[in-house]
Amino acid sequence: MKNFAIKCHVNSMLHLEQFYKNQKGVTAIEYALIAVAMATLLAFILGDQNSGFLGALKETFDKIADAIKSVTISKS
């Protein structure tokens, strides 16, 4: 009976050690948290269509389009 208890103890300790060394799930969770943080940061920086970087970019392209229209319409 004593041998059986020792074998069970050693076996359980080996399984616990393997469990602690397994980092696959932890790494996946860390990458997911980093992705969520980056997506939140990008959404905050870029803003929506009316504000932030995207709003400024849209406004600039609208000005360029208007300038092109005014040049091409006045010549035809």
N, C-alpha and C. Protein backbone atom coordinates (compact mmCIF):
# COMPACT_ATOMS: atom_id res chain seq x y z
N MET A 1 0.82 -1.21 0.00
CA MET A 1 0.00 0.00 0.00
C MET A 1 0.86 1.27 0.00
N LYS A 2 1.99 1.19 0.72
CA LYS A 2 2.89 2.34 0.79
C LYS A 2 3.48 2.64 -0.59
N ASN A 3 3.84 1.60 -1.35
CA ASN A 3 4.36 1.77 -2.70
C ASN A 3 3.33 2.44 -3.61
N PHE A 4 2.09 2.04 -3.48
CA PHE A 4 1.01 2.61 -4.29
C PHE A 4 0.83 4.09 -4.00
N ALA A 5 0.89 4.47 -2.74
CA ALA A 5 0.74 5.87 -2.35
C ALA A 5 1.90 6.71 -2.90
N ILE A 6 3.12 6.16 -2.85
CA ILE A 6 4.28 6.88 -3.37
C ILE A 6 4.16 7.06 -4.88
N LYS A 7 3.75 5.98 -5.57
CA LYS A 7 3.58 6.07 -7.03
C LYS A 7 2.52 7.10 -7.40
N CYS A 8 1.43 7.12 -6.67
CA CYS A 8 0.36 8.10 -6.94
C CYS A 8 0.85 9.52 -6.70
N HIS A 9 1.60 9.70 -5.63
CA HIS A 9 2.12 11.03 -5.31
C HIS A 9 3.09 11.51 -6.40
N VAL A 10 4.01 10.65 -6.81
CA VAL A 10 4.99 11.01 -7.84
C VAL A 10 4.27 11.28 -9.16
N ASN A 11 3.30 10.45 -9.50
CA ASN A 11 2.55 10.63 -10.74
C ASN A 11 1.77 11.95 -10.73
N SER A 12 1.16 12.26 -9.62
CA SER A 12 0.41 13.52 -9.54
C SER A 12 1.34 14.72 -9.59
N MET A 13 2.51 14.62 -8.99
CA MET A 13 3.47 15.72 -9.04
C MET A 13 3.99 15.92 -10.47
N LEU A 14 4.20 14.83 -11.21
CA LEU A 14 4.64 14.95 -12.60
C LEU A 14 3.57 15.61 -13.46
N HIS A 15 2.33 15.24 -13.23
CA HIS A 15 1.24 15.86 -13.99
C HIS A 15 1.08 17.33 -13.66
N LEU A 16 1.24 17.70 -12.40
CA LEU A 16 1.17 19.11 -12.02
C LEU A 16 2.31 19.90 -12.65
N GLU A 17 3.50 19.31 -12.69
CA GLU A 17 4.64 19.98 -13.31
C GLU A 17 4.40 20.20 -14.80
N GLN A 18 3.83 19.21 -15.48
CA GLN A 18 3.52 19.36 -16.90
C GLN A 18 2.45 20.43 -17.11
N PHE A 19 1.48 20.48 -16.21
CA PHE A 19 0.42 21.49 -16.30
C PHE A 19 1.00 22.90 -16.17
N TYR A 20 1.93 23.09 -15.25
CA TYR A 20 2.53 24.40 -15.05
C TYR A 20 3.40 24.81 -16.23
N LYS A 21 4.04 23.83 -16.89
CA LYS A 21 4.91 24.13 -18.03
C LYS A 21 4.13 24.42 -19.30
N ASN A 22 2.89 23.99 -19.39
CA ASN A 22 2.08 24.19 -20.58
C ASN A 22 1.65 25.65 -20.65
N GLN A 23 2.17 26.40 -21.60
CA GLN A 23 1.91 27.83 -21.71
C GLN A 23 1.09 28.19 -22.95
N LYS A 24 0.61 27.20 -23.71
CA LYS A 24 -0.09 27.48 -24.96
C LYS A 24 -1.35 28.31 -24.73
N GLY A 25 -2.15 27.94 -23.77
CA GLY A 25 -3.38 28.68 -23.49
C GLY A 25 -3.11 30.08 -22.98
N VAL A 26 -2.12 30.20 -22.14
CA VAL A 26 -1.77 31.50 -21.57
C VAL A 26 -1.28 32.44 -22.68
N THR A 27 -0.47 31.92 -23.59
CA THR A 27 0.03 32.74 -24.68
C THR A 27 -1.09 33.21 -25.58
N ALA A 28 -2.04 32.32 -25.87
CA ALA A 28 -3.18 32.70 -26.71
C ALA A 28 -4.00 33.80 -26.04
N ILE A 29 -4.20 33.71 -24.75
CA ILE A 29 -4.95 34.73 -24.03
C ILE A 29 -4.20 36.06 -24.06
N GLU A 30 -2.88 35.99 -23.89
CA GLU A 30 -2.09 37.23 -23.93
C GLU A 30 -2.18 37.89 -25.29
N TYR A 31 -2.09 37.11 -26.37
CA TYR A 31 -2.21 37.68 -27.71
C TYR A 31 -3.60 38.27 -27.93
N ALA A 32 -4.62 37.63 -27.42
CA ALA A 32 -5.98 38.16 -27.56
C ALA A 32 -6.11 39.49 -26.83
N LEU A 33 -5.56 39.59 -25.64
CA LEU A 33 -5.62 40.85 -24.89
C LEU A 33 -4.85 41.97 -25.60
N ILE A 34 -3.70 41.63 -26.18
CA ILE A 34 -2.93 42.62 -26.93
C ILE A 34 -3.73 43.09 -28.15
N ALA A 35 -4.40 42.15 -28.85
CA ALA A 35 -5.19 42.52 -30.02
C ALA A 35 -6.35 43.43 -29.65
N VAL A 36 -7.01 43.15 -28.54
CA VAL A 36 -8.12 43.99 -28.09
C VAL A 36 -7.61 45.38 -27.73
N ALA A 37 -6.47 45.45 -27.07
CA ALA A 37 -5.91 46.75 -26.71
C ALA A 37 -5.54 47.55 -27.95
N MET A 38 -4.94 46.90 -28.94
CA MET A 38 -4.57 47.61 -30.17
C MET A 38 -5.81 48.06 -30.94
N ALA A 39 -6.84 47.24 -31.00
CA ALA A 39 -8.06 47.63 -31.70
C ALA A 39 -8.72 48.82 -31.02
N THR A 40 -8.74 48.82 -29.70
CA THR A 40 -9.31 49.94 -28.96
C THR A 40 -8.51 51.22 -29.20
N LEU A 41 -7.20 51.10 -29.18
CA LEU A 41 -6.35 52.26 -29.41
C LEU A 41 -6.54 52.81 -30.82
N LEU A 42 -6.59 51.94 -31.82
CA LEU A 42 -6.81 52.39 -33.20
C LEU A 42 -8.17 53.04 -33.37
N ALA A 43 -9.19 52.48 -32.75
CA ALA A 43 -10.53 53.08 -32.84
C ALA A 43 -10.54 54.46 -32.20
N PHE A 44 -9.82 54.63 -31.11
CA PHE A 44 -9.76 55.92 -30.44
C PHE A 44 -8.99 56.94 -31.28
N ILE A 45 -7.86 56.51 -31.85
CA ILE A 45 -7.03 57.43 -32.64
C ILE A 45 -7.71 57.80 -33.95
N LEU A 46 -8.24 56.80 -34.66
CA LEU A 46 -8.82 57.07 -35.97
C LEU A 46 -10.17 57.78 -35.88
N GLY A 47 -10.91 57.54 -34.84
CA GLY A 47 -12.21 58.18 -34.68
C GLY A 47 -13.22 57.67 -35.68
N ASP A 48 -14.31 58.40 -35.85
CA ASP A 48 -15.32 58.00 -36.83
C ASP A 48 -15.14 58.83 -38.10
N GLN A 49 -16.11 58.77 -38.99
CA GLN A 49 -16.01 59.46 -40.28
C GLN A 49 -16.04 60.98 -40.15
N ASN A 50 -16.51 61.50 -39.04
CA ASN A 50 -16.65 62.95 -38.89
C ASN A 50 -15.61 63.58 -37.98
N SER A 51 -14.80 62.76 -37.33
CA SER A 51 -13.80 63.33 -36.42
C SER A 51 -12.54 62.49 -36.45
N GLY A 52 -11.53 62.98 -35.80
CA GLY A 52 -10.28 62.23 -35.71
C GLY A 52 -9.53 62.19 -37.03
N PHE A 53 -8.66 61.24 -37.15
CA PHE A 53 -7.82 61.11 -38.34
C PHE A 53 -8.65 60.82 -39.58
N LEU A 54 -9.63 59.92 -39.47
CA LEU A 54 -10.46 59.59 -40.63
C LEU A 54 -11.27 60.79 -41.10
N GLY A 55 -11.74 61.60 -40.17
CA GLY A 55 -12.47 62.80 -40.54
C GLY A 55 -11.59 63.79 -41.28
N ALA A 56 -10.37 63.97 -40.79
CA ALA A 56 -9.43 64.88 -41.47
C ALA A 56 -9.06 64.35 -42.85
N LEU A 57 -8.87 63.05 -42.95
CA LEU A 57 -8.55 62.45 -44.23
C LEU A 57 -9.69 62.60 -45.23
N LYS A 58 -10.91 62.39 -44.76
CA LYS A 58 -12.09 62.54 -45.62
C LYS A 58 -12.22 64.00 -46.08
N GLU A 59 -12.01 64.92 -45.17
CA GLU A 59 -12.10 66.34 -45.51
C GLU A 59 -11.06 66.73 -46.56
N THR A 60 -9.84 66.21 -46.42
CA THR A 60 -8.78 66.50 -47.38
C THR A 60 -9.12 65.95 -48.76
N PHE A 61 -9.60 64.70 -48.80
CA PHE A 61 -9.97 64.11 -50.09
C PHE A 61 -11.16 64.82 -50.72
N ASP A 62 -12.09 65.30 -49.89
CA ASP A 62 -13.21 66.08 -50.43
C ASP A 62 -12.71 67.38 -51.07
N LYS A 63 -11.74 68.04 -50.42
CA LYS A 63 -11.17 69.27 -50.98
C LYS A 63 -10.46 68.99 -52.29
N ILE A 64 -9.72 67.89 -52.34
CA ILE A 64 -9.03 67.52 -53.58
C ILE A 64 -10.04 67.22 -54.68
N ALA A 65 -11.09 66.49 -54.35
CA ALA A 65 -12.12 66.17 -55.34
C ALA A 65 -12.81 67.43 -55.84
N ASP A 66 -13.10 68.37 -54.93
CA ASP A 66 -13.72 69.63 -55.34
C ASP A 66 -12.79 70.44 -56.26
N ALA A 67 -11.50 70.45 -55.94
CA ALA A 67 -10.54 71.17 -56.78
C ALA A 67 -10.46 70.55 -58.16
N ILE A 68 -10.47 69.23 -58.24
CA ILE A 68 -10.43 68.55 -59.54
C ILE A 68 -11.70 68.83 -60.32
N LYS A 69 -12.85 68.81 -59.64
CA LYS A 69 -14.12 69.09 -60.30
C LYS A 69 -14.16 70.51 -60.84
N SER A 70 -13.67 71.45 -60.05
CA SER A 70 -13.71 72.84 -60.49
C SER A 70 -12.80 73.06 -61.70
N VAL A 71 -11.71 72.38 -61.79
CA VAL A 71 -10.81 72.52 -62.94
C VAL A 71 -11.39 71.84 -64.16
N THR A 72 -11.94 70.66 -64.00
CA THR A 72 -12.44 69.92 -65.16
C THR A 72 -13.77 70.47 -65.65
N ILE A 73 -14.60 70.98 -64.78
CA ILE A 73 -15.91 71.52 -65.18
C ILE A 73 -15.74 72.87 -65.89
N SER A 74 -14.80 73.69 -65.40
CA SER A 74 -14.62 75.02 -66.00
C SER A 74 -13.99 74.93 -67.39
N LYS A 75 -13.27 73.87 -67.72
CA LYS A 75 -12.65 73.73 -69.03
C LYS A 75 -13.58 73.10 -70.05
N SER A 76 -14.65 72.48 -69.66
CA SER A 76 -15.53 71.82 -70.64
C SER A 76 -16.68 72.66 -71.09
